[in-house]
Amino acid sequence: MLRSLAIRKTSLIDFPGRVAAVFFLPGCDFRCPYCHNAELVDLEDPPEGLTPLEEALAFLERRKGLLGGLVLSGGEPLLHPEVARIAAAARGLGLAVKLDTNGSFPGRIASVGADYVALDLKTSPGRYGLVAPDLKDSGRLVLESLGAIRASGVPFEIRITCAPGLVGPADAKAVAEVLEPGDRVYLQPFRPGGCLDPAWDGLEPLGPAEMAAILETIRAAAPLASIRGA
């Protein structure tokens, strides 16, 4: 049962076109080595200082005149059945809802009723064992989620972190094979430091030429693709 979560009270960048709060729900079924929310990964050992769920909902009530949206992030928010209740409460306050997901729960996406979805595509489907070693068929689940999101008609984006050894120029073609021309895809560079796996803290991000090569390959399948922040 979800009892508490972390809050970012105001964000101008997490929900396109909206001033939003961000709820970070603890726990994740993936183990991406470069994860920067490492303290939220282990559901059995959440960090101190989290906000009780009812207090978080009361915060939204107080801020409803100042916010335009709520982002449900994590961790992986769809681990928690309560995410649908949180989304419904936000909509009841007139807030739009954005869902951030790793795609491991395709059957739960619709229950959120999100107005916008961001799906993280970690690598090509056949290599998902590198980021979700304990989750069987994780690559297939992500493809199911992508299909469900497309079919829903809800605006969405696909985020691809270009992490060394997971998404490089050699992997881009396999990643591109799961994309469609209408997909809005954002590439983002890997950022060393504070990673779930400390061995990744010293890795160098891909250089501009490598990022450009990946973008060119991705754009062949999804012409709207861009590098976030570029």
Protein backbone atom coordinates (compact mmCIF):
# COMPACT_ATOMS: atom_id res chain seq x y z
CA MET A 1 0.00 0.00 0.00
CA LEU A 2 1.27 3.46 -0.89
CA ARG A 3 1.60 5.52 2.29
CA SER A 4 3.93 8.34 1.30
CA LEU A 5 5.70 9.97 -1.64
CA ALA A 6 8.10 12.73 -2.57
CA ILE A 7 6.86 16.05 -3.91
CA ARG A 8 8.30 18.69 -6.21
CA LYS A 9 5.96 21.54 -5.43
CA THR A 10 6.41 23.49 -8.64
CA SER A 11 7.86 22.55 -12.01
CA LEU A 12 7.91 24.47 -15.28
CA ILE A 13 9.56 21.68 -17.30
CA ASP A 14 7.97 18.35 -16.38
CA PHE A 15 4.55 18.88 -18.01
CA PRO A 16 4.63 20.56 -21.43
CA GLY A 17 2.76 23.85 -21.37
CA ARG A 18 1.74 23.67 -17.72
CA VAL A 19 2.91 24.72 -14.30
CA ALA A 20 2.78 21.45 -12.41
CA ALA A 21 3.52 19.67 -9.18
CA VAL A 22 5.35 16.35 -9.40
CA PHE A 23 4.57 13.36 -7.19
CA PHE A 24 7.39 10.82 -7.08
CA LEU A 25 5.99 7.46 -6.01
CA PRO A 26 8.59 5.14 -4.45
CA GLY A 27 9.50 1.73 -5.81
CA CYS A 28 10.59 0.54 -9.23
CA ASP A 29 10.70 -2.83 -10.96
CA PHE A 30 13.60 -1.72 -13.17
CA ARG A 31 17.23 -1.29 -12.13
CA CYS A 32 18.60 1.15 -14.69
CA PRO A 33 22.24 1.63 -13.67
CA TYR A 34 22.18 5.35 -14.51
CA CYS A 35 18.98 6.10 -12.55
CA HIS A 36 19.11 9.45 -10.73
CA ASN A 37 16.19 8.70 -8.42
CA ALA A 38 18.13 5.89 -6.80
CA GLU A 39 16.72 6.60 -3.33
CA LEU A 40 13.22 5.80 -4.62
CA VAL A 41 14.00 2.47 -6.30
CA ASP A 42 13.67 0.13 -3.32
CA LEU A 43 10.05 0.05 -2.18
CA GLU A 44 11.02 -1.89 0.95
CA ASP A 45 13.50 0.79 2.05
CA PRO A 46 12.07 4.19 1.09
CA PRO A 47 14.00 7.32 2.08
CA GLU A 48 13.15 9.41 5.11
CA GLY A 49 11.25 12.64 4.73
CA LEU A 50 8.53 11.46 2.36
CA THR A 51 5.13 13.16 2.51
CA PRO A 52 2.14 11.09 3.68
CA LEU A 53 -0.30 10.47 0.83
CA GLU A 54 -3.25 12.27 2.45
CA GLU A 55 -1.01 15.26 3.17
CA ALA A 56 0.11 15.27 -0.46
CA LEU A 57 -3.50 15.35 -1.64
CA ALA A 58 -4.24 18.19 0.79
CA PHE A 59 -1.29 20.07 -0.73
CA LEU A 60 -2.91 19.80 -4.17
CA GLU A 61 -6.15 21.17 -2.75
CA ARG A 62 -4.34 24.22 -1.38
CA ARG A 63 -2.47 24.83 -4.65
CA LYS A 64 -5.26 24.17 -7.14
CA GLY A 65 -5.49 27.82 -8.13
CA LEU A 66 -1.78 28.04 -8.87
CA LEU A 67 -1.15 24.76 -10.65
CA GLY A 68 -2.27 23.55 -14.04
CA GLY A 69 -1.21 19.94 -13.75
CA LEU A 70 0.12 17.05 -11.74
CA VAL A 71 2.89 14.73 -12.90
CA LEU A 72 2.84 11.17 -11.57
CA SER A 73 6.41 9.91 -11.66
CA GLY A 74 8.70 7.69 -9.67
CA GLY A 75 10.11 5.17 -9.25
CA GLU A 76 7.43 3.54 -11.35
CA PRO A 77 4.04 4.99 -10.36
CA LEU A 78 2.02 2.15 -11.89
CA LEU A 79 3.37 -0.21 -9.23
CA HIS A 80 0.73 1.34 -6.99
CA PRO A 81 -3.03 0.80 -7.41
CA GLU A 82 -3.50 4.12 -5.59
CA VAL A 83 -2.17 6.01 -8.63
CA ALA A 84 -5.64 5.96 -10.20
CA ARG A 85 -7.12 7.51 -7.06
CA ILE A 86 -4.48 10.22 -7.02
CA ALA A 87 -5.13 11.00 -10.69
CA ALA A 88 -8.89 11.18 -10.09
CA ALA A 89 -8.37 13.54 -7.14
CA ALA A 90 -6.20 15.81 -9.28
CA ARG A 91 -8.77 15.91 -12.07
CA GLY A 92 -11.44 16.73 -9.49
CA LEU A 93 -9.41 19.84 -8.67
CA GLY A 94 -9.28 20.86 -12.33
CA LEU A 95 -5.70 19.68 -12.88
CA ALA A 96 -4.48 17.87 -15.96
CA VAL A 97 -2.54 14.67 -15.25
CA LYS A 98 0.70 13.51 -16.82
CA LEU A 99 1.98 9.96 -16.33
CA ASP A 100 5.68 9.07 -16.47
CA THR A 101 6.14 5.33 -16.94
CA ASN A 102 8.77 2.75 -17.84
CA GLY A 103 6.10 0.75 -19.67
CA SER A 104 6.13 -2.38 -17.51
CA PHE A 105 2.39 -2.26 -16.71
CA PRO A 106 0.53 -1.92 -20.02
CA GLY A 107 -2.75 -3.04 -18.46
CA ARG A 108 -2.73 -0.25 -15.87
CA ILE A 109 -2.10 2.78 -18.08
CA ALA A 110 -5.75 3.37 -18.97
CA SER A 111 -6.80 3.38 -15.30
CA VAL A 112 -4.91 6.64 -14.75
CA GLY A 113 -6.84 8.50 -17.44
CA ALA A 114 -3.79 10.67 -18.10
CA ASP A 115 -3.97 13.73 -20.33
CA TYR A 116 -0.35 13.21 -21.38
CA VAL A 117 2.00 10.24 -21.11
CA ALA A 118 5.79 10.06 -21.19
CA LEU A 119 7.17 6.59 -21.90
CA ASP A 120 10.84 5.86 -21.30
CA LEU A 121 12.37 3.66 -23.99
CA LYS A 122 15.51 2.36 -22.34
CA THR A 123 17.12 0.40 -25.18
CA SER A 124 16.06 -2.01 -27.92
CA PRO A 125 13.45 -4.54 -26.70
CA GLY A 126 15.82 -7.47 -26.92
CA ARG A 127 18.31 -5.87 -24.52
CA TYR A 128 15.93 -4.93 -21.71
CA GLY A 129 17.54 -7.51 -19.46
CA LEU A 130 20.31 -4.94 -18.93
CA VAL A 131 17.92 -2.52 -17.22
CA ALA A 132 15.26 -4.89 -15.83
CA PRO A 133 17.13 -8.08 -14.92
CA ASP A 134 14.43 -9.34 -12.56
CA LEU A 135 11.43 -8.64 -14.78
CA LYS A 136 10.57 -11.34 -17.31
CA ASP A 137 9.58 -10.18 -20.80
CA SER A 138 10.18 -6.53 -19.94
CA GLY A 139 10.90 -5.62 -23.56
CA ARG A 140 7.60 -7.13 -24.68
CA LEU A 141 5.71 -5.31 -21.94
CA VAL A 142 7.16 -1.99 -23.04
CA LEU A 143 6.07 -2.60 -26.62
CA GLU A 144 2.57 -3.43 -25.37
CA SER A 145 2.53 -0.20 -23.42
CA LEU A 146 3.65 1.77 -26.44
CA GLY A 147 0.88 0.22 -28.51
CA ALA A 148 -1.72 0.94 -25.84
CA ILE A 149 -0.63 4.57 -25.56
CA ARG A 150 -0.75 5.09 -29.31
CA ALA A 151 -4.20 3.49 -29.51
CA SER A 152 -5.56 5.68 -26.69
CA GLY A 153 -5.27 8.88 -28.71
CA VAL A 154 -3.75 10.67 -25.70
CA PRO A 155 -0.81 13.00 -26.48
CA PHE A 156 2.45 11.30 -25.58
CA GLU A 157 6.19 11.43 -25.89
CA ILE A 158 8.92 8.80 -25.95
CA ARG A 159 12.06 9.61 -23.98
CA ILE A 160 15.33 7.91 -24.81
CA THR A 161 18.34 8.40 -22.55
CA CYS A 162 21.43 7.84 -24.66
CA ALA A 163 23.33 5.89 -22.02
CA PRO A 164 26.68 4.38 -23.07
CA GLY A 165 26.30 0.69 -23.84
CA LEU A 166 22.51 0.90 -23.86
CA VAL A 167 21.66 3.42 -26.55
CA GLY A 168 24.57 4.30 -28.80
CA PRO A 169 24.96 4.71 -32.54
CA ALA A 170 25.07 0.92 -32.99
CA ASP A 171 21.82 0.44 -31.03
CA ALA A 172 19.88 3.27 -32.62
CA LYS A 173 18.72 1.25 -35.63
CA ALA A 174 17.14 -1.45 -33.44
CA VAL A 175 15.48 1.21 -31.29
CA ALA A 176 14.18 2.99 -34.39
CA GLU A 177 12.45 -0.19 -35.56
CA VAL A 178 9.82 0.15 -32.82
CA LEU A 179 9.02 3.79 -33.68
CA GLU A 180 6.40 5.22 -36.02
CA PRO A 181 6.43 8.44 -38.08
CA GLY A 182 4.00 10.26 -35.80
CA ASP A 183 5.88 9.51 -32.58
CA ARG A 184 7.30 12.52 -30.75
CA VAL A 185 10.68 11.32 -29.52
CA TYR A 186 13.11 13.16 -27.29
CA LEU A 187 16.71 12.05 -26.93
CA GLN A 188 18.47 13.09 -23.75
CA PRO A 189 22.12 12.65 -22.83
CA PHE A 190 23.25 10.42 -20.00
CA ARG A 191 24.32 12.46 -16.96
CA PRO A 192 27.03 10.93 -14.76
CA GLY A 193 26.95 11.39 -10.99
CA GLY A 194 24.47 10.16 -8.41
CA CYS A 195 23.72 6.99 -10.37
CA LEU A 196 22.08 3.89 -8.92
CA ASP A 197 25.21 1.96 -9.91
CA PRO A 198 28.19 4.01 -8.64
CA ALA A 199 30.34 2.52 -11.39
CA TRP A 200 28.43 4.71 -13.82
CA ASP A 201 29.30 7.92 -12.01
CA GLY A 202 32.60 8.19 -13.83
CA LEU A 203 31.37 7.32 -17.33
CA GLU A 204 31.60 9.95 -20.06
CA PRO A 205 28.38 10.97 -21.81
CA LEU A 206 28.19 10.50 -25.55
CA GLY A 207 29.68 13.40 -27.46
CA PRO A 208 27.80 15.78 -29.80
CA ALA A 209 28.78 13.80 -32.91
CA GLU A 210 27.49 10.53 -31.43
CA MET A 211 24.25 12.17 -30.30
CA ALA A 212 23.78 13.64 -33.76
CA ALA A 213 24.34 10.22 -35.36
CA ILE A 214 21.71 8.64 -33.09
CA LEU A 215 19.28 11.44 -33.86
CA GLU A 216 19.74 10.96 -37.60
CA THR A 217 18.95 7.26 -37.32
CA ILE A 218 15.92 7.85 -35.08
CA ARG A 219 14.59 10.57 -37.38
CA ALA A 220 14.55 8.13 -40.28
CA ALA A 221 11.72 6.36 -38.43
CA ALA A 222 10.28 9.25 -36.39
CA PRO A 223 10.91 12.58 -38.15
CA LEU A 224 9.70 14.65 -35.18
CA ALA A 225 12.56 13.39 -32.98
CA SER A 226 14.84 15.94 -31.34
CA ILE A 227 17.47 16.24 -28.66
CA ARG A 228 15.88 17.69 -25.54
CA GLY A 229 17.37 21.05 -24.69
CA ALA A 230 19.18 21.40 -28.01
